[in-house]
Amino acid sequence: MDAKQPTTKKRGRPPGRKTETADAGTVTASRCGKCHSTKRSPYRNSRTIEATGCDPVNQLPFNKIMLRECNCAECGQRRIDRTWLFE
């Protein structure tokens, strides 16, 4: 068997290079329509629909809508959270 040769190449960020910050995205927490709480149960029955348009919240283009079912943790109201995706 071939033995692995030790490498002389250093790993990691080069000396003197600063950490780059990532762009922050805009995310709006979903709320219950009945009590306006943001607490929810885990998502279930996730599905995706092919559609095109403009996101009504952030005014960004999308080509898919992800629908996820959950219940409000405060009042128990069933709801479907919608997420507009551009892939």
Protein backbone atom coordinates (compact mmCIF):
# COMPACT_ATOMS: atom_id res chain seq x y z
CA MET A 1 0.00 0.00 0.00
CA ASP A 2 1.06 3.57 -0.63
CA ALA A 3 1.89 5.57 2.45
CA LYS A 4 0.52 9.11 2.54
CA GLN A 5 3.17 11.73 1.95
CA PRO A 6 3.23 14.56 4.49
CA THR A 7 2.24 17.85 2.92
CA THR A 8 4.14 21.07 3.37
CA LYS A 9 1.15 23.21 2.48
CA LYS A 10 -0.21 25.12 5.47
CA ARG A 11 -3.91 24.96 6.19
CA GLY A 12 -6.28 27.69 7.26
CA ARG A 13 -6.48 31.39 6.67
CA PRO A 14 -3.28 33.10 5.48
CA PRO A 15 -1.46 35.26 8.04
CA GLY A 16 -2.67 38.85 8.14
CA ARG A 17 -5.98 38.12 6.41
CA LYS A 18 -9.02 39.37 8.29
CA THR A 19 -12.25 37.48 8.88
CA GLU A 20 -14.88 38.39 6.30
CA THR A 21 -18.39 39.11 7.44
CA ALA A 22 -21.31 37.46 5.68
CA ASP A 23 -24.32 39.39 4.42
CA ALA A 24 -27.29 39.16 6.76
CA GLY A 25 -30.56 38.02 5.25
CA THR A 26 -33.99 39.37 6.03
CA VAL A 27 -36.17 36.83 7.82
CA THR A 28 -39.60 37.57 9.24
CA ALA A 29 -40.83 35.23 11.96
CA SER A 30 -44.20 33.68 11.17
CA ARG A 31 -47.02 34.60 13.53
CA CYS A 32 -50.26 32.98 14.54
CA GLY A 33 -53.24 34.71 12.93
CA LYS A 34 -55.32 34.26 16.07
CA CYS A 35 -53.02 35.24 19.00
CA HIS A 36 -50.01 36.67 17.05
CA SER A 37 -47.51 34.44 18.88
CA THR A 38 -44.29 33.36 17.10
CA LYS A 39 -44.03 30.10 19.10
CA ARG A 40 -44.96 27.02 17.12
CA SER A 41 -44.78 23.22 17.03
CA PRO A 42 -42.25 21.48 14.76
CA TYR A 43 -43.00 21.68 11.04
CA ARG A 44 -44.70 18.72 9.35
CA ASN A 45 -45.97 17.89 5.84
CA SER A 46 -43.59 20.21 4.02
CA ARG A 47 -44.28 20.66 0.30
CA THR A 48 -43.04 22.93 -2.46
CA ILE A 49 -45.05 24.56 -5.24
CA GLU A 50 -43.50 25.84 -8.48
CA ALA A 51 -44.63 29.45 -8.95
CA THR A 52 -43.13 32.77 -9.99
CA GLY A 53 -43.75 36.26 -8.76
CA CYS A 54 -42.67 38.81 -6.19
CA ASP A 55 -42.50 38.08 -2.43
CA PRO A 56 -45.30 40.11 -0.77
CA VAL A 57 -43.22 40.69 2.40
CA ASN A 58 -39.73 41.63 1.11
CA GLN A 59 -40.59 42.49 -2.53
CA LEU A 60 -38.02 39.96 -3.82
CA PRO A 61 -38.55 37.65 -6.81
CA PHE A 62 -39.31 33.97 -6.15
CA ASN A 63 -39.77 30.81 -8.21
CA LYS A 64 -40.98 28.39 -5.50
CA ILE A 65 -43.26 28.54 -2.48
CA MET A 66 -42.56 26.21 0.45
CA LEU A 67 -45.63 25.35 2.53
CA ARG A 68 -45.10 23.88 6.02
CA GLU A 69 -47.84 22.92 8.47
CA CYS A 70 -47.54 23.56 12.21
CA ASN A 71 -49.62 24.47 15.27
CA CYS A 72 -49.37 27.56 17.44
CA ALA A 73 -47.77 26.63 20.79
CA GLU A 74 -49.84 29.25 22.65
CA CYS A 75 -53.41 28.70 21.41
CA GLY A 76 -53.18 25.48 19.33
CA GLN A 77 -54.39 27.09 16.09
CA ARG A 78 -53.37 25.12 12.97
CA ARG A 79 -51.51 27.16 10.38
CA ILE A 80 -49.52 26.80 7.19
CA ASP A 81 -46.32 28.85 7.04
CA ARG A 82 -45.32 30.04 3.57
CA THR A 83 -41.72 30.71 2.55
CA TRP A 84 -40.97 32.28 -0.83
CA LEU A 85 -37.75 30.86 -2.35
CA PHE A 86 -35.57 31.86 -5.27
CA GLU A 87 -33.41 28.92 -6.40
